[in-house]
């Protein structure tokens, strides 16, 4: 039963097809919210410019950091929106995990190219487009922490302040992460009853349901 739960957990991805994956309307805000979790998030990402043209498809070991750094490098008009599919650390410990990520990149890139009338996303065509300076923290003061900060107008800085809606999304993400942690712990100690309970609650959350406040504990 536990093996079934684990298989379902890792295979219940939403992004087998790019067009089925949720579009995040503000890539910078997404990166900021994910950075609060204070952990790396390996993911396949499709980045879109402000016209919703796919600019790049690839994968990163720390996707929130990479998205923020690329926004720092190319500007928020280019790194405007995104779709992503996270790969948990446990999945990447399996030799098949990285292969699955590369396969998903190839699938998404082919789909993005097809949706763009056969034109490959420009970020995948330009050499070193996806490279960035890992020594600069894009979340530090001044976006936030780079020479390109001075090119932003003051009214653009609103993207980096929390609105009530952003706080609600961050709270929901904390709950999701806490449930994943509880599920992992239950599986590791062989607690099948709680593993099934946490899996069902996580599934309900992903389907738009609500949870009790105790799920927010970190």
N, C-alpha and C. Protein backbone atom coordinates (compact mmCIF):
# COMPACT_ATOMS: atom_id res chain seq x y z
N UNK A 1 0.83 -1.21 0.00
CA UNK A 1 0.00 0.00 0.00
C UNK A 1 0.87 1.26 0.00
N UNK A 2 1.92 1.25 0.83
CA UNK A 2 2.80 2.41 0.91
C UNK A 2 3.47 2.65 -0.43
N UNK A 3 3.90 1.57 -1.08
CA UNK A 3 4.53 1.72 -2.39
C UNK A 3 3.56 2.31 -3.39
N UNK A 4 2.29 1.91 -3.28
CA UNK A 4 1.28 2.46 -4.17
C UNK A 4 1.12 3.95 -3.94
N UNK A 5 1.08 4.34 -2.64
CA UNK A 5 0.95 5.76 -2.30
C UNK A 5 2.10 6.57 -2.85
N UNK A 6 3.32 6.04 -2.66
CA UNK A 6 4.49 6.76 -3.16
C UNK A 6 4.43 6.90 -4.67
N UNK A 7 4.05 5.83 -5.35
CA UNK A 7 3.96 5.88 -6.81
C UNK A 7 2.93 6.90 -7.25
N UNK A 8 1.78 6.89 -6.59
CA UNK A 8 0.74 7.86 -6.95
C UNK A 8 1.21 9.28 -6.67
N UNK A 9 1.93 9.46 -5.55
CA UNK A 9 2.38 10.80 -5.18
C UNK A 9 3.31 11.37 -6.23
N UNK A 10 4.24 10.57 -6.69
CA UNK A 10 5.23 11.07 -7.64
C UNK A 10 4.71 11.08 -9.06
N UNK A 11 3.66 10.30 -9.34
CA UNK A 11 3.15 10.26 -10.70
C UNK A 11 1.94 11.17 -10.89
N UNK A 12 1.47 11.80 -9.79
CA UNK A 12 0.30 12.67 -9.91
C UNK A 12 0.72 14.06 -10.36
N UNK A 13 1.50 14.12 -11.43
CA UNK A 13 1.94 15.41 -11.95
C UNK A 13 0.87 15.99 -12.86
N UNK A 14 0.80 17.31 -12.89
CA UNK A 14 -0.19 17.98 -13.72
C UNK A 14 0.37 18.35 -15.08
N UNK A 15 1.70 18.25 -15.23
CA UNK A 15 2.31 18.83 -16.40
C UNK A 15 2.82 17.87 -17.44
N UNK A 16 2.17 16.71 -17.59
CA UNK A 16 2.62 15.81 -18.64
C UNK A 16 2.53 16.49 -20.00
N UNK A 17 1.54 17.35 -20.15
CA UNK A 17 1.41 18.17 -21.34
C UNK A 17 1.52 19.63 -20.91
N UNK A 18 2.31 20.39 -21.63
CA UNK A 18 2.56 21.78 -21.26
C UNK A 18 1.27 22.56 -21.11
N UNK A 19 0.36 22.40 -22.08
CA UNK A 19 -0.87 23.18 -22.08
C UNK A 19 -1.80 22.84 -20.92
N UNK A 20 -1.56 21.70 -20.25
CA UNK A 20 -2.39 21.31 -19.11
C UNK A 20 -1.85 21.83 -17.79
N UNK A 21 -0.64 22.35 -17.81
CA UNK A 21 -0.01 22.83 -16.58
C UNK A 21 -0.48 24.26 -16.30
N UNK A 22 -0.70 24.57 -15.03
CA UNK A 22 -1.21 25.88 -14.63
C UNK A 22 -0.23 26.98 -15.01
N UNK A 23 -0.74 28.06 -15.59
CA UNK A 23 0.08 29.22 -15.91
C UNK A 23 0.18 30.13 -14.69
N UNK A 24 1.38 30.37 -14.22
CA UNK A 24 1.62 31.32 -13.15
C UNK A 24 1.72 32.70 -13.76
N UNK A 25 0.82 33.59 -13.38
CA UNK A 25 0.68 34.88 -14.06
C UNK A 25 1.79 35.87 -13.72
N UNK A 26 2.54 35.61 -12.65
CA UNK A 26 3.62 36.51 -12.25
C UNK A 26 4.82 35.66 -11.85
N UNK A 27 5.75 35.49 -12.77
CA UNK A 27 6.90 34.62 -12.52
C UNK A 27 7.76 35.11 -11.36
N UNK A 28 7.95 36.42 -11.27
CA UNK A 28 8.78 36.98 -10.20
C UNK A 28 8.12 36.73 -8.84
N UNK A 29 6.80 36.95 -8.78
CA UNK A 29 6.10 36.72 -7.52
C UNK A 29 6.15 35.25 -7.13
N UNK A 30 6.00 34.37 -8.11
CA UNK A 30 6.10 32.94 -7.83
C UNK A 30 7.48 32.59 -7.24
N UNK A 31 8.53 33.11 -7.86
CA UNK A 31 9.88 32.84 -7.38
C UNK A 31 10.06 33.35 -5.95
N UNK A 32 9.50 34.52 -5.68
CA UNK A 32 9.63 35.08 -4.34
C UNK A 32 8.90 34.22 -3.31
N UNK A 33 7.69 33.78 -3.64
CA UNK A 33 6.92 32.95 -2.73
C UNK A 33 7.63 31.61 -2.47
N UNK A 34 8.15 31.01 -3.52
CA UNK A 34 8.83 29.73 -3.36
C UNK A 34 10.12 29.87 -2.56
N UNK A 35 10.78 31.03 -2.68
CA UNK A 35 12.04 31.24 -1.96
C UNK A 35 11.82 31.24 -0.45
N UNK A 36 10.61 31.56 -0.02
CA UNK A 36 10.33 31.57 1.41
C UNK A 36 10.43 30.18 2.03
N UNK A 37 10.30 29.16 1.20
CA UNK A 37 10.36 27.80 1.72
C UNK A 37 11.76 27.42 2.15
N UNK A 38 12.75 28.21 1.72
CA UNK A 38 14.14 28.02 2.11
C UNK A 38 14.64 26.60 1.79
N UNK A 39 14.30 26.15 0.60
CA UNK A 39 14.83 24.89 0.11
C UNK A 39 14.90 24.96 -1.40
N UNK A 40 15.78 24.17 -1.96
CA UNK A 40 15.87 24.14 -3.42
C UNK A 40 14.69 23.37 -3.99
N UNK A 41 14.23 23.80 -5.16
CA UNK A 41 13.12 23.14 -5.82
C UNK A 41 13.53 22.80 -7.25
N UNK A 42 13.82 21.54 -7.48
CA UNK A 42 14.14 21.11 -8.84
C UNK A 42 12.85 21.06 -9.64
N UNK A 43 12.88 21.62 -10.84
CA UNK A 43 11.66 21.67 -11.63
C UNK A 43 11.98 21.87 -13.10
N UNK A 44 11.06 21.39 -13.92
CA UNK A 44 11.04 21.73 -15.34
C UNK A 44 10.18 22.98 -15.47
N UNK A 45 10.65 23.97 -16.21
CA UNK A 45 9.92 25.23 -16.33
C UNK A 45 9.76 25.63 -17.79
N UNK A 46 8.66 26.28 -18.06
CA UNK A 46 8.44 26.94 -19.35
C UNK A 46 8.21 28.40 -19.03
N UNK A 47 9.08 29.27 -19.53
CA UNK A 47 9.03 30.70 -19.22
C UNK A 47 8.38 31.44 -20.38
N UNK A 48 7.51 32.40 -20.05
CA UNK A 48 6.79 33.17 -21.05
C UNK A 48 7.05 34.66 -20.88
N UNK A 49 7.05 35.39 -22.00
CA UNK A 49 7.19 36.84 -21.90
C UNK A 49 5.82 37.45 -21.64
N UNK A 50 5.74 38.77 -21.58
CA UNK A 50 4.50 39.42 -21.21
C UNK A 50 3.40 39.28 -22.25
N UNK A 51 3.74 38.85 -23.46
CA UNK A 51 2.73 38.58 -24.49
C UNK A 51 2.28 37.13 -24.48
N UNK A 52 2.78 36.35 -23.50
CA UNK A 52 2.51 34.92 -23.35
C UNK A 52 3.13 34.10 -24.48
N UNK A 53 4.18 34.62 -25.07
CA UNK A 53 4.97 33.81 -26.01
C UNK A 53 5.99 33.03 -25.21
N UNK A 54 6.12 31.74 -25.46
CA UNK A 54 7.07 30.92 -24.72
C UNK A 54 8.48 31.34 -25.09
N UNK A 55 9.25 31.74 -24.08
CA UNK A 55 10.61 32.22 -24.30
C UNK A 55 11.66 31.15 -24.08
N UNK A 56 11.34 30.16 -23.23
CA UNK A 56 12.37 29.17 -22.88
C UNK A 56 11.73 27.98 -22.18
N UNK A 57 12.26 26.80 -22.45
CA UNK A 57 11.88 25.58 -21.73
C UNK A 57 13.16 24.90 -21.26
N UNK A 58 13.23 24.56 -19.98
CA UNK A 58 14.41 23.89 -19.46
C UNK A 58 14.17 23.39 -18.06
N UNK A 59 15.22 22.96 -17.38
CA UNK A 59 15.08 22.47 -16.02
C UNK A 59 16.22 23.03 -15.16
N UNK A 60 15.93 23.21 -13.89
CA UNK A 60 16.90 23.77 -12.95
C UNK A 60 16.84 23.01 -11.64
N UNK A 61 17.99 22.91 -10.98
CA UNK A 61 18.03 22.29 -9.65
C UNK A 61 17.35 23.17 -8.61
N UNK A 62 17.38 24.48 -8.81
CA UNK A 62 16.72 25.42 -7.90
C UNK A 62 15.95 26.41 -8.77
N UNK A 63 14.75 26.02 -9.16
CA UNK A 63 13.98 26.79 -10.13
C UNK A 63 13.61 28.20 -9.65
N UNK A 64 13.17 28.40 -8.41
CA UNK A 64 12.86 29.77 -7.98
C UNK A 64 14.05 30.72 -8.10
N UNK A 65 15.22 30.25 -7.66
CA UNK A 65 16.43 31.07 -7.76
C UNK A 65 16.73 31.37 -9.23
N UNK A 66 16.64 30.34 -10.08
CA UNK A 66 16.95 30.52 -11.50
C UNK A 66 16.00 31.49 -12.17
N UNK A 67 14.71 31.38 -11.87
CA UNK A 67 13.72 32.27 -12.49
C UNK A 67 13.99 33.72 -12.08
N UNK A 68 14.25 33.94 -10.78
CA UNK A 68 14.54 35.29 -10.31
C UNK A 68 15.83 35.82 -10.93
N UNK A 69 16.84 34.96 -11.03
CA UNK A 69 18.12 35.39 -11.60
C UNK A 69 17.97 35.72 -13.09
N UNK A 70 17.16 34.93 -13.81
CA UNK A 70 16.96 35.20 -15.24
C UNK A 70 16.13 36.47 -15.44
N UNK A 71 15.20 36.72 -14.51
CA UNK A 71 14.46 37.99 -14.58
C UNK A 71 15.39 39.15 -14.33
N UNK A 72 16.34 38.94 -13.44
CA UNK A 72 17.36 39.94 -13.16
C UNK A 72 18.21 40.22 -14.40
N UNK A 73 18.47 39.17 -15.17
CA UNK A 73 19.34 39.26 -16.34
C UNK A 73 18.60 39.79 -17.57
N UNK A 74 17.40 39.30 -17.80
CA UNK A 74 16.69 39.61 -19.05
C UNK A 74 15.56 40.63 -18.89
N UNK A 75 15.10 40.87 -17.64
CA UNK A 75 14.03 41.81 -17.43
C UNK A 75 12.69 41.13 -17.22
N UNK A 76 11.81 41.80 -16.49
CA UNK A 76 10.52 41.21 -16.16
C UNK A 76 9.58 41.14 -17.35
N UNK A 77 9.86 41.88 -18.42
CA UNK A 77 9.02 41.76 -19.62
C UNK A 77 9.25 40.43 -20.31
N UNK A 78 10.45 39.89 -20.18
CA UNK A 78 10.79 38.60 -20.79
C UNK A 78 10.44 37.45 -19.85
N UNK A 79 10.78 37.60 -18.59
CA UNK A 79 10.48 36.57 -17.58
C UNK A 79 9.19 37.01 -16.88
N UNK A 80 8.08 36.87 -17.56
CA UNK A 80 6.82 37.41 -17.05
C UNK A 80 5.93 36.35 -16.43
N UNK A 81 5.81 35.22 -17.08
CA UNK A 81 4.91 34.16 -16.62
C UNK A 81 5.63 32.82 -16.74
N UNK A 82 5.04 31.80 -16.12
CA UNK A 82 5.68 30.49 -16.26
C UNK A 82 4.71 29.36 -15.95
N UNK A 83 5.07 28.21 -16.47
CA UNK A 83 4.47 26.95 -16.05
C UNK A 83 5.62 26.10 -15.50
N UNK A 84 5.33 25.25 -14.52
CA UNK A 84 6.42 24.44 -13.96
C UNK A 84 5.89 23.10 -13.47
N UNK A 85 6.78 22.13 -13.41
CA UNK A 85 6.49 20.83 -12.82
C UNK A 85 7.63 20.48 -11.89
N UNK A 86 7.32 20.40 -10.60
CA UNK A 86 8.36 20.13 -9.60
C UNK A 86 8.72 18.65 -9.57
N UNK A 87 9.99 18.37 -9.34
CA UNK A 87 10.48 17.01 -9.14
C UNK A 87 11.02 16.92 -7.72
N UNK A 88 10.34 16.19 -6.81
CA UNK A 88 10.80 16.09 -5.42
C UNK A 88 12.20 15.49 -5.34
N UNK A 89 12.90 15.84 -4.28
CA UNK A 89 14.27 15.36 -4.09
C UNK A 89 14.31 13.84 -4.10
N UNK A 90 13.27 13.20 -3.52
CA UNK A 90 13.25 11.75 -3.46
C UNK A 90 13.23 11.13 -4.86
N UNK A 91 12.51 11.79 -5.77
CA UNK A 91 12.43 11.28 -7.14
C UNK A 91 13.77 11.40 -7.84
N UNK A 92 14.51 12.47 -7.55
CA UNK A 92 15.80 12.69 -8.21
C UNK A 92 16.90 11.79 -7.66
N UNK A 93 16.66 11.19 -6.49
CA UNK A 93 17.63 10.24 -5.96
C UNK A 93 17.64 8.96 -6.76
N UNK A 94 16.54 8.71 -7.45
CA UNK A 94 16.45 7.55 -8.35
C UNK A 94 17.12 7.92 -9.67
N UNK A 95 17.94 7.03 -10.22
CA UNK A 95 18.62 7.35 -11.50
C UNK A 95 17.66 7.73 -12.62
N UNK A 96 16.40 7.28 -12.51
CA UNK A 96 15.43 7.59 -13.55
C UNK A 96 14.90 9.02 -13.43
N UNK A 97 15.09 9.63 -12.25
CA UNK A 97 14.55 10.97 -12.03
C UNK A 97 15.07 12.01 -13.01
N UNK A 98 16.40 12.19 -13.13
CA UNK A 98 16.93 13.15 -14.10
C UNK A 98 16.53 12.84 -15.53
N UNK A 99 16.44 11.54 -15.85
CA UNK A 99 16.00 11.16 -17.19
C UNK A 99 14.57 11.61 -17.45
N UNK A 100 13.72 11.49 -16.42
CA UNK A 100 12.33 11.93 -16.55
C UNK A 100 12.27 13.44 -16.76
N UNK A 101 13.13 14.18 -16.04
CA UNK A 101 13.15 15.63 -16.21
C UNK A 101 13.54 16.00 -17.64
N UNK A 102 14.59 15.37 -18.15
CA UNK A 102 15.04 15.68 -19.51
C UNK A 102 13.99 15.30 -20.54
N UNK A 103 13.30 14.19 -20.28
CA UNK A 103 12.24 13.76 -21.21
C UNK A 103 11.10 14.77 -21.20
N UNK A 104 10.76 15.30 -20.02
CA UNK A 104 9.68 16.28 -19.93
C UNK A 104 10.08 17.58 -20.61
N UNK A 105 11.35 17.99 -20.47
CA UNK A 105 11.84 19.18 -21.16
C UNK A 105 11.66 19.00 -22.67
N UNK A 106 12.06 17.86 -23.19
CA UNK A 106 11.95 17.61 -24.63
C UNK A 106 10.50 17.64 -25.08
N UNK A 107 9.61 17.06 -24.27
CA UNK A 107 8.19 17.04 -24.61
C UNK A 107 7.60 18.44 -24.61
N UNK A 108 7.91 19.21 -23.54
CA UNK A 108 7.38 20.57 -23.44
C UNK A 108 7.95 21.47 -24.54
N UNK A 109 9.22 21.30 -24.84
CA UNK A 109 9.85 22.13 -25.87
C UNK A 109 9.21 21.85 -27.23
N UNK A 110 8.95 20.59 -27.54
CA UNK A 110 8.30 20.25 -28.80
C UNK A 110 6.89 20.85 -28.86
N UNK A 111 6.17 20.79 -27.73
CA UNK A 111 4.81 21.33 -27.70
C UNK A 111 4.84 22.85 -27.83
N UNK A 112 5.77 23.51 -27.12
CA UNK A 112 5.88 24.97 -27.20
C UNK A 112 6.22 25.41 -28.61
N UNK A 113 7.11 24.67 -29.26
CA UNK A 113 7.49 24.99 -30.64
C UNK A 113 6.30 24.84 -31.57
N UNK A 114 5.55 23.77 -31.37
CA UNK A 114 4.36 23.54 -32.21
C UNK A 114 3.33 24.65 -32.01
N UNK A 115 3.12 25.06 -30.76
CA UNK A 115 2.14 26.12 -30.47
C UNK A 115 2.62 27.48 -30.99
N UNK A 116 3.92 27.59 -31.23
CA UNK A 116 4.49 28.85 -31.73
C UNK A 116 4.75 28.77 -33.24
N UNK A 117 3.89 28.01 -33.92
CA UNK A 117 3.96 27.90 -35.39
C UNK A 117 5.32 27.38 -35.87
N UNK A 118 5.88 26.45 -35.09
CA UNK A 118 7.11 25.81 -35.51
C UNK A 118 8.38 26.57 -35.16
N UNK A 119 8.25 27.68 -34.44
CA UNK A 119 9.42 28.47 -34.05
C UNK A 119 9.86 28.07 -32.65
N UNK A 120 11.12 27.67 -32.52
CA UNK A 120 11.66 27.26 -31.22
C UNK A 120 11.74 28.47 -30.30
N UNK A 121 11.36 28.33 -29.02
CA UNK A 121 11.50 29.45 -28.07
C UNK A 121 12.90 30.05 -28.15
N UNK A 122 12.96 31.38 -28.22
CA UNK A 122 14.24 32.04 -28.50
C UNK A 122 15.28 31.78 -27.44
N UNK A 123 14.87 31.59 -26.18
CA UNK A 123 15.84 31.32 -25.12
C UNK A 123 16.56 30.00 -25.32
N UNK A 124 15.92 29.08 -26.03
CA UNK A 124 16.55 27.80 -26.32
C UNK A 124 17.46 27.87 -27.54
N UNK A 125 17.39 28.97 -28.28
CA UNK A 125 18.20 29.14 -29.47
C UNK A 125 19.45 29.98 -29.22
N UNK A 126 19.37 30.87 -28.24
CA UNK A 126 20.47 31.79 -27.97
C UNK A 126 21.46 31.16 -26.99
N UNK A 127 22.73 31.15 -27.37
CA UNK A 127 23.76 30.55 -26.54
C UNK A 127 23.84 31.26 -25.18
N UNK A 128 23.89 30.47 -24.14
CA UNK A 128 24.07 30.94 -22.76
C UNK A 128 22.91 31.80 -22.27
N UNK A 129 21.77 31.75 -22.95
CA UNK A 129 20.62 32.57 -22.53
C UNK A 129 20.21 32.21 -21.11
N UNK A 130 20.32 30.94 -20.75
CA UNK A 130 19.84 30.48 -19.45
C UNK A 130 20.94 30.46 -18.38
N UNK A 131 22.09 31.02 -18.69
CA UNK A 131 23.15 31.10 -17.68
C UNK A 131 23.00 32.37 -16.85
N UNK A 132 23.36 32.29 -15.59
CA UNK A 132 23.25 33.45 -14.70
C UNK A 132 24.32 33.35 -13.62
N UNK A 133 24.57 34.46 -12.98
CA UNK A 133 25.61 34.55 -11.95
C UNK A 133 25.06 33.99 -10.64
N UNK A 134 25.54 32.82 -10.26
CA UNK A 134 25.04 32.18 -9.03
C UNK A 134 25.57 32.85 -7.77
N UNK A 135 26.54 33.75 -7.90
CA UNK A 135 27.10 34.43 -6.71
C UNK A 135 26.24 35.61 -6.28
N UNK A 136 25.29 36.02 -7.13
CA UNK A 136 24.41 37.14 -6.81
C UNK A 136 23.06 36.60 -6.36
N UNK A 137 22.63 37.02 -5.19
CA UNK A 137 21.33 36.59 -4.68
C UNK A 137 20.25 37.50 -5.27
N UNK A 138 19.41 36.98 -6.16
CA UNK A 138 18.40 37.84 -6.78
C UNK A 138 17.31 38.27 -5.83
N UNK A 139 17.26 37.66 -4.64
CA UNK A 139 16.24 38.02 -3.65
C UNK A 139 16.76 39.04 -2.64
N UNK A 140 18.03 39.42 -2.76
CA UNK A 140 18.58 40.40 -1.83
C UNK A 140 18.02 41.79 -2.15
N UNK A 141 18.26 42.74 -1.24
CA UNK A 141 17.73 44.08 -1.43
C UNK A 141 18.20 44.65 -2.75
N UNK A 142 17.31 45.06 -3.50
CA UNK A 142 17.57 45.71 -4.76
C UNK A 142 17.37 44.89 -5.98
N UNK A 143 16.72 43.94 -6.11
CA UNK A 143 16.41 42.87 -7.10
C UNK A 143 17.12 42.76 -8.33
N UNK A 144 16.58 42.60 -7.49
CA UNK A 144 16.73 42.81 -6.05
C UNK A 144 18.13 42.36 -5.77
N UNK A 145 19.02 43.25 -6.04
CA UNK A 145 20.41 43.01 -5.80
C UNK A 145 21.26 42.94 -7.03
N UNK A 146 20.97 43.76 -8.02
CA UNK A 146 21.81 43.70 -9.22
C UNK A 146 21.88 45.06 -9.89
N UNK A 147 22.75 45.13 -10.88
CA UNK A 147 22.91 46.39 -11.58
C UNK A 147 21.65 46.77 -12.37
N UNK A 148 20.85 45.77 -12.72
CA UNK A 148 19.65 46.08 -13.50
C UNK A 148 18.56 46.70 -12.65
N UNK A 149 18.75 46.72 -11.33
CA UNK A 149 17.74 47.31 -10.46
C UNK A 149 17.46 48.76 -10.83
N UNK A 150 18.49 49.50 -11.18
CA UNK A 150 18.31 50.92 -11.47
C UNK A 150 17.47 51.15 -12.73
N UNK A 151 17.30 50.11 -13.52
CA UNK A 151 16.51 50.27 -14.74
C UNK A 151 15.02 50.14 -14.48
N UNK A 152 14.65 49.74 -13.26
CA UNK A 152 13.24 49.58 -12.93
C UNK A 152 12.67 50.92 -12.44
N UNK A 153 11.44 51.19 -12.83
CA UNK A 153 10.75 52.38 -12.35
C UNK A 153 10.20 52.07 -10.95
N UNK A 154 9.98 53.13 -10.17
CA UNK A 154 9.54 52.93 -8.79
C UNK A 154 8.24 52.16 -8.71
N UNK A 155 7.32 52.40 -9.64
CA UNK A 155 6.03 51.71 -9.55
C UNK A 155 6.14 50.23 -9.88
N UNK A 156 7.26 49.79 -10.44
CA UNK A 156 7.45 48.37 -10.71
C UNK A 156 7.76 47.59 -9.43
N UNK A 157 8.20 48.29 -8.39
CA UNK A 157 8.59 47.61 -7.16
C UNK A 157 7.41 47.00 -6.43
N UNK A 158 6.19 47.33 -6.81
CA UNK A 158 5.03 46.76 -6.15
C UNK A 158 5.00 45.24 -6.27
N UNK A 159 5.69 44.71 -7.27
CA UNK A 159 5.72 43.24 -7.45
C UNK A 159 6.42 42.54 -6.32
N UNK A 160 7.20 43.31 -5.51
CA UNK A 160 7.99 42.67 -4.47
C UNK A 160 7.42 42.88 -3.07
N UNK A 161 6.20 43.44 -2.97
CA UNK A 161 5.55 43.63 -1.69
C UNK A 161 4.34 42.71 -1.60
N UNK A 162 4.10 42.17 -0.42
CA UNK A 162 3.03 41.20 -0.23
C UNK A 162 1.67 41.88 -0.14
N UNK A 163 0.76 41.47 -0.98
CA UNK A 163 -0.64 41.86 -0.87
C UNK A 163 -1.36 40.78 -0.07
N UNK A 164 -2.58 41.03 0.40
CA UNK A 164 -3.32 39.97 1.11
C UNK A 164 -3.46 38.70 0.28
N UNK A 165 -3.65 38.85 -1.02
CA UNK A 165 -3.78 37.67 -1.88
C UNK A 165 -2.48 36.88 -1.93
N UNK A 166 -1.35 37.61 -1.98
CA UNK A 166 -0.04 36.95 -2.00
C UNK A 166 0.23 36.24 -0.68
N UNK A 167 -0.17 36.86 0.42
CA UNK A 167 0.00 36.23 1.72
C UNK A 167 -0.81 34.95 1.80
N UNK A 168 -2.03 34.97 1.24
CA UNK A 168 -2.88 33.78 1.25
C UNK A 168 -2.25 32.66 0.42
N UNK A 169 -1.67 33.02 -0.73
CA UNK A 169 -1.03 32.01 -1.56
C UNK A 169 0.19 31.42 -0.85
N UNK A 170 0.95 32.28 -0.16
CA UNK A 170 2.13 31.80 0.57
C UNK A 170 1.71 30.86 1.70
N UNK A 171 0.60 31.20 2.37
CA UNK A 171 0.11 30.35 3.46
C UNK A 171 -0.33 28.99 2.92
N UNK A 172 -0.99 29.00 1.77
CA UNK A 172 -1.42 27.76 1.14
C UNK A 172 -0.21 26.91 0.75
N UNK A 173 0.84 27.56 0.26
CA UNK A 173 2.04 26.82 -0.13
C UNK A 173 2.72 26.21 1.10
N UNK A 174 2.73 26.95 2.21
CA UNK A 174 3.32 26.41 3.43
C UNK A 174 2.56 25.16 3.89
N UNK A 175 1.24 25.22 3.77
CA UNK A 175 0.44 24.06 4.13
C UNK A 175 0.76 22.86 3.24
N UNK A 176 0.89 23.12 1.96
CA UNK A 176 1.21 22.04 1.02
C UNK A 176 2.56 21.41 1.37
N UNK A 177 3.55 22.25 1.63
CA UNK A 177 4.88 21.75 1.96
C UNK A 177 4.86 20.98 3.28
N UNK A 178 4.08 21.45 4.24
CA UNK A 178 4.01 20.77 5.52
C UNK A 178 3.37 19.40 5.36
N UNK A 179 2.34 19.30 4.53
CA UNK A 179 1.71 18.01 4.30
C UNK A 179 2.65 17.04 3.60
N UNK A 180 3.43 17.56 2.64
CA UNK A 180 4.41 16.69 1.97
C UNK A 180 5.43 16.16 2.98
N UNK A 181 5.86 17.04 3.89
CA UNK A 181 6.82 16.61 4.91
C UNK A 181 6.21 15.54 5.80
N UNK A 182 4.95 15.75 6.23
CA UNK A 182 4.29 14.77 7.09
C UNK A 182 4.11 13.44 6.37
N UNK A 183 3.79 13.51 5.07
CA UNK A 183 3.63 12.28 4.29
C UNK A 183 4.96 11.52 4.23
N UNK A 184 6.04 12.25 3.95
CA UNK A 184 7.37 11.61 3.87
C UNK A 184 7.73 10.95 5.20
N UNK A 185 7.48 11.65 6.30
CA UNK A 185 7.82 11.11 7.62
C UNK A 185 7.01 9.86 7.93
N UNK A 186 5.72 9.89 7.58
CA UNK A 186 4.86 8.73 7.83
C UNK A 186 5.33 7.52 7.03
N UNK A 187 5.72 7.75 5.78
CA UNK A 187 6.20 6.66 4.94
C UNK A 187 7.49 6.08 5.50
N UNK A 188 8.40 6.96 5.95
CA UNK A 188 9.70 6.51 6.46
C UNK A 188 9.56 5.66 7.72
N UNK A 189 8.56 5.97 8.56
CA UNK A 189 8.40 5.17 9.79
C UNK A 189 7.41 4.02 9.62
N UNK A 190 6.90 3.83 8.39
CA UNK A 190 6.00 2.72 8.12
C UNK A 190 4.60 2.92 8.63
N UNK A 191 4.20 4.15 8.86
CA UNK A 191 2.86 4.47 9.37
C UNK A 191 1.90 4.58 8.20
N UNK A 192 1.34 3.45 7.78
CA UNK A 192 0.52 3.43 6.59
C UNK A 192 -0.77 4.22 6.74
N UNK A 193 -1.39 4.18 7.94
CA UNK A 193 -2.65 4.88 8.15
C UNK A 193 -2.48 6.38 7.98
N UNK A 194 -1.45 6.94 8.63
CA UNK A 194 -1.22 8.38 8.50
C UNK A 194 -0.72 8.76 7.12
N UNK A 195 0.06 7.86 6.49
CA UNK A 195 0.53 8.14 5.13
C UNK A 195 -0.66 8.29 4.19
N UNK A 196 -1.62 7.42 4.32
CA UNK A 196 -2.81 7.49 3.47
C UNK A 196 -3.62 8.75 3.77
N UNK A 197 -3.72 9.08 5.08
CA UNK A 197 -4.46 10.29 5.47
C UNK A 197 -3.83 11.54 4.89
N UNK A 198 -2.49 11.66 5.03
CA UNK A 198 -1.82 12.85 4.54
C UNK A 198 -1.85 12.92 3.02
N UNK A 199 -1.78 11.75 2.37
CA UNK A 199 -1.85 11.74 0.91
C UNK A 199 -3.21 12.24 0.44
N UNK A 200 -4.28 11.81 1.09
CA UNK A 200 -5.63 12.24 0.71
C UNK A 200 -5.81 13.74 0.94
N UNK A 201 -5.27 14.23 2.05
CA UNK A 201 -5.41 15.66 2.35
C UNK A 201 -4.60 16.50 1.36
N UNK A 202 -3.42 16.00 0.97
CA UNK A 202 -2.61 16.70 -0.02
C UNK A 202 -3.32 16.72 -1.36
N UNK A 203 -3.92 15.60 -1.73
CA UNK A 203 -4.66 15.53 -2.99
C UNK A 203 -5.84 16.49 -2.97
N UNK A 204 -6.55 16.55 -1.83
CA UNK A 204 -7.68 17.47 -1.70
C UNK A 204 -7.24 18.91 -1.85
N UNK A 205 -6.07 19.24 -1.26
CA UNK A 205 -5.54 20.60 -1.37
C UNK A 205 -5.20 20.94 -2.82
N UNK A 206 -4.58 20.01 -3.52
CA UNK A 206 -4.21 20.24 -4.92
C UNK A 206 -5.45 20.39 -5.80
N UNK A 207 -6.57 19.80 -5.34
CA UNK A 207 -7.82 19.90 -6.09
C UNK A 207 -8.63 21.14 -5.72
N UNK A 208 -8.05 22.00 -4.88
CA UNK A 208 -8.72 23.25 -4.53
C UNK A 208 -9.43 23.24 -3.21
N UNK A 209 -9.26 22.18 -2.42
CA UNK A 209 -9.91 22.11 -1.12
C UNK A 209 -9.20 22.96 -0.09
N UNK A 210 -9.79 23.04 1.12
CA UNK A 210 -9.20 23.80 2.22
C UNK A 210 -8.75 22.84 3.30
N UNK A 211 -7.86 23.34 4.18
CA UNK A 211 -7.30 22.51 5.25
C UNK A 211 -7.41 23.24 6.58
N UNK A 212 -7.22 22.46 7.64
CA UNK A 212 -7.23 23.04 8.97
C UNK A 212 -5.94 23.80 9.23
N UNK A 213 -5.96 24.68 10.23
CA UNK A 213 -4.80 25.51 10.52
C UNK A 213 -3.59 24.69 10.94
N UNK A 214 -3.82 23.49 11.55
CA UNK A 214 -2.65 22.75 12.03
C UNK A 214 -1.79 22.22 10.90
N UNK A 215 -2.28 22.26 9.67
CA UNK A 215 -1.48 21.84 8.53
C UNK A 215 -0.43 22.88 8.16
N UNK A 216 -0.50 24.04 8.75
CA UNK A 216 0.45 25.11 8.42
C UNK A 216 1.70 25.05 9.29
N UNK A 217 1.74 24.16 10.26
CA UNK A 217 2.90 24.08 11.13
C UNK A 217 4.14 23.74 10.32
N UNK A 218 5.25 24.39 10.62
CA UNK A 218 6.50 24.12 9.91
C UNK A 218 7.62 23.84 10.91
